[in-house]
Amino acid sequence: MKCCAEFVFESSHAGEIYQALAPELDDDLHRSNVSMGLEDGSIRLKIRGEDTVSLRAALNTWIRLVKIAFEMVSL
């Protein structure tokens, strides 16, 4: 079963957050795939998993990364 989740994060610092997260896209994920796009003041994050377990693991990782990036630009 293939699973997918898509999020849109809006921020006045979207470009900076995108640049901070972009290198993480190069990480080799075994059973999931992540794509990210930058659109007028927002970041679109799409996470696909081979199954619910791999999707959950990827979501945990990426939501944590996004949260940290948002916290860093607000310092």
C-alpha atoms as a PDB file:
ATOM      1  CA  MET A   1       0.000   0.000   0.000  1.00  0.00           C
ATOM      2  CA  LYS A   2       1.420   3.388  -0.983  1.00  0.00           C
ATOM      3  CA  CYS A   3       0.814   6.315   1.365  1.00  0.00           C
ATOM      4  CA  CYS A   4       1.238  10.039   0.869  1.00  0.00           C
ATOM      5  CA  ALA A   5       1.054  13.214   2.962  1.00  0.00           C
ATOM      6  CA  GLU A   6       1.394  16.773   1.734  1.00  0.00           C
ATOM      7  CA  PHE A   7       1.913  19.917   3.813  1.00  0.00           C
ATOM      8  CA  VAL A   8       2.126  23.621   3.044  1.00  0.00           C
ATOM      9  CA  PHE A   9       4.053  25.774   5.523  1.00  0.00           C
ATOM     10  CA  GLU A  10       3.690  29.548   5.202  1.00  0.00           C
ATOM     11  CA  SER A  11       6.352  31.922   6.471  1.00  0.00           C
ATOM     12  CA  SER A  12       7.936  35.242   5.665  1.00  0.00           C
ATOM     13  CA  HIS A  13      11.221  33.283   5.947  1.00  0.00           C
ATOM     14  CA  ALA A  14      10.179  30.528   3.528  1.00  0.00           C
ATOM     15  CA  GLY A  15      13.268  30.985   1.339  1.00  0.00           C
ATOM     16  CA  GLU A  16      15.671  30.672   4.266  1.00  0.00           C
ATOM     17  CA  ILE A  17      13.850  27.640   5.660  1.00  0.00           C
ATOM     18  CA  TYR A  18      13.808  26.008   2.231  1.00  0.00           C
ATOM     19  CA  GLN A  19      17.573  26.499   1.862  1.00  0.00           C
ATOM     20  CA  ALA A  20      18.170  25.055   5.325  1.00  0.00           C
ATOM     21  CA  LEU A  21      16.078  21.944   4.596  1.00  0.00           C
ATOM     22  CA  ALA A  22      17.151  21.346   0.980  1.00  0.00           C
ATOM     23  CA  PRO A  23      20.365  19.410   1.829  1.00  0.00           C
ATOM     24  CA  GLU A  24      18.248  16.886   3.776  1.00  0.00           C
ATOM     25  CA  LEU A  25      16.554  15.861   0.514  1.00  0.00           C
ATOM     26  CA  ASP A  26      19.786  14.125  -0.509  1.00  0.00           C
ATOM     27  CA  ASP A  27      19.535  11.630   2.358  1.00  0.00           C
ATOM     28  CA  ASP A  28      18.803   8.126   1.142  1.00  0.00           C
ATOM     29  CA  LEU A  29      15.486   6.958   2.561  1.00  0.00           C
ATOM     30  CA  HIS A  30      14.850   3.267   2.118  1.00  0.00           C
ATOM     31  CA  ARG A  31      11.087   3.052   1.866  1.00  0.00           C
ATOM     32  CA  SER A  32      10.001   6.660   1.512  1.00  0.00           C
ATOM     33  CA  ASN A  33      10.451   9.599  -0.829  1.00  0.00           C
ATOM     34  CA  VAL A  34      10.364  13.309  -0.012  1.00  0.00           C
ATOM     35  CA  SER A  35       9.958  16.250  -2.364  1.00  0.00           C
ATOM     36  CA  MET A  36       9.893  19.921  -1.458  1.00  0.00           C
ATOM     37  CA  GLY A  37       8.994  23.035  -3.391  1.00  0.00           C
ATOM     38  CA  LEU A  38       9.174  26.760  -2.721  1.00  0.00           C
ATOM     39  CA  GLU A  39       6.157  28.857  -3.692  1.00  0.00           C
ATOM     40  CA  ASP A  40       5.355  32.516  -2.929  1.00  0.00           C
ATOM     41  CA  GLY A  41       6.020  32.639   0.796  1.00  0.00           C
ATOM     42  CA  SER A  42       5.379  28.974   1.435  1.00  0.00           C
ATOM     43  CA  ILE A  43       7.057  25.589   1.352  1.00  0.00           C
ATOM     44  CA  ARG A  44       5.233  22.564  -0.038  1.00  0.00           C
ATOM     45  CA  LEU A  45       6.434  19.280   1.437  1.00  0.00           C
ATOM     46  CA  LYS A  46       5.270  15.974  -0.038  1.00  0.00           C
ATOM     47  CA  ILE A  47       6.168  12.712   1.677  1.00  0.00           C
ATOM     48  CA  ARG A  48       5.449   9.309   0.158  1.00  0.00           C
ATOM     49  CA  GLY A  49       5.887   5.977   1.866  1.00  0.00           C
ATOM     50  CA  GLU A  50       5.709   2.377   0.730  1.00  0.00           C
ATOM     51  CA  ASP A  51       3.497   1.644   3.748  1.00  0.00           C
ATOM     52  CA  THR A  52       2.130   3.367   6.833  1.00  0.00           C
ATOM     53  CA  VAL A  53       5.187   2.488   8.929  1.00  0.00           C
ATOM     54  CA  SER A  54       7.639   4.107   6.507  1.00  0.00           C
ATOM     55  CA  LEU A  55       5.353   7.113   6.067  1.00  0.00           C
ATOM     56  CA  ARG A  56       5.122   7.603   9.840  1.00  0.00           C
ATOM     57  CA  ALA A  57       8.899   7.411  10.227  1.00  0.00           C
ATOM     58  CA  ALA A  58       9.474   9.937   7.434  1.00  0.00           C
ATOM     59  CA  LEU A  59       6.778  12.243   8.838  1.00  0.00           C
ATOM     60  CA  ASN A  60       8.382  12.181  12.285  1.00  0.00           C
ATOM     61  CA  THR A  61      11.744  13.095  10.797  1.00  0.00           C
ATOM     62  CA  TRP A  62      10.549  15.856   8.485  1.00  0.00           C
ATOM     63  CA  ILE A  63       8.081  17.482  10.856  1.00  0.00           C
ATOM     64  CA  ARG A  64      10.868  17.673  13.432  1.00  0.00           C
ATOM     65  CA  LEU A  65      13.246  19.216  10.853  1.00  0.00           C
ATOM     66  CA  VAL A  66      10.648  21.797   9.785  1.00  0.00           C
ATOM     67  CA  LYS A  67       9.868  22.675  13.411  1.00  0.00           C
ATOM     68  CA  ILE A  68      13.545  23.229  14.184  1.00  0.00           C
ATOM     69  CA  ALA A  69      14.039  25.349  11.054  1.00  0.00           C
ATOM     70  CA  PHE A  70      11.043  27.550  11.985  1.00  0.00           C
ATOM     71  CA  GLU A  71      12.404  27.946  15.524  1.00  0.00           C
ATOM     72  CA  MET A  72      15.835  28.954  14.243  1.00  0.00           C
ATOM     73  CA  VAL A  73      14.579  31.743  11.969  1.00  0.00           C
ATOM     74  CA  SER A  74      12.486  33.164  14.789  1.00  0.00           C
ATOM     75  CA  LEU A  75      15.468  33.660  17.154  1.00  0.00           C
END
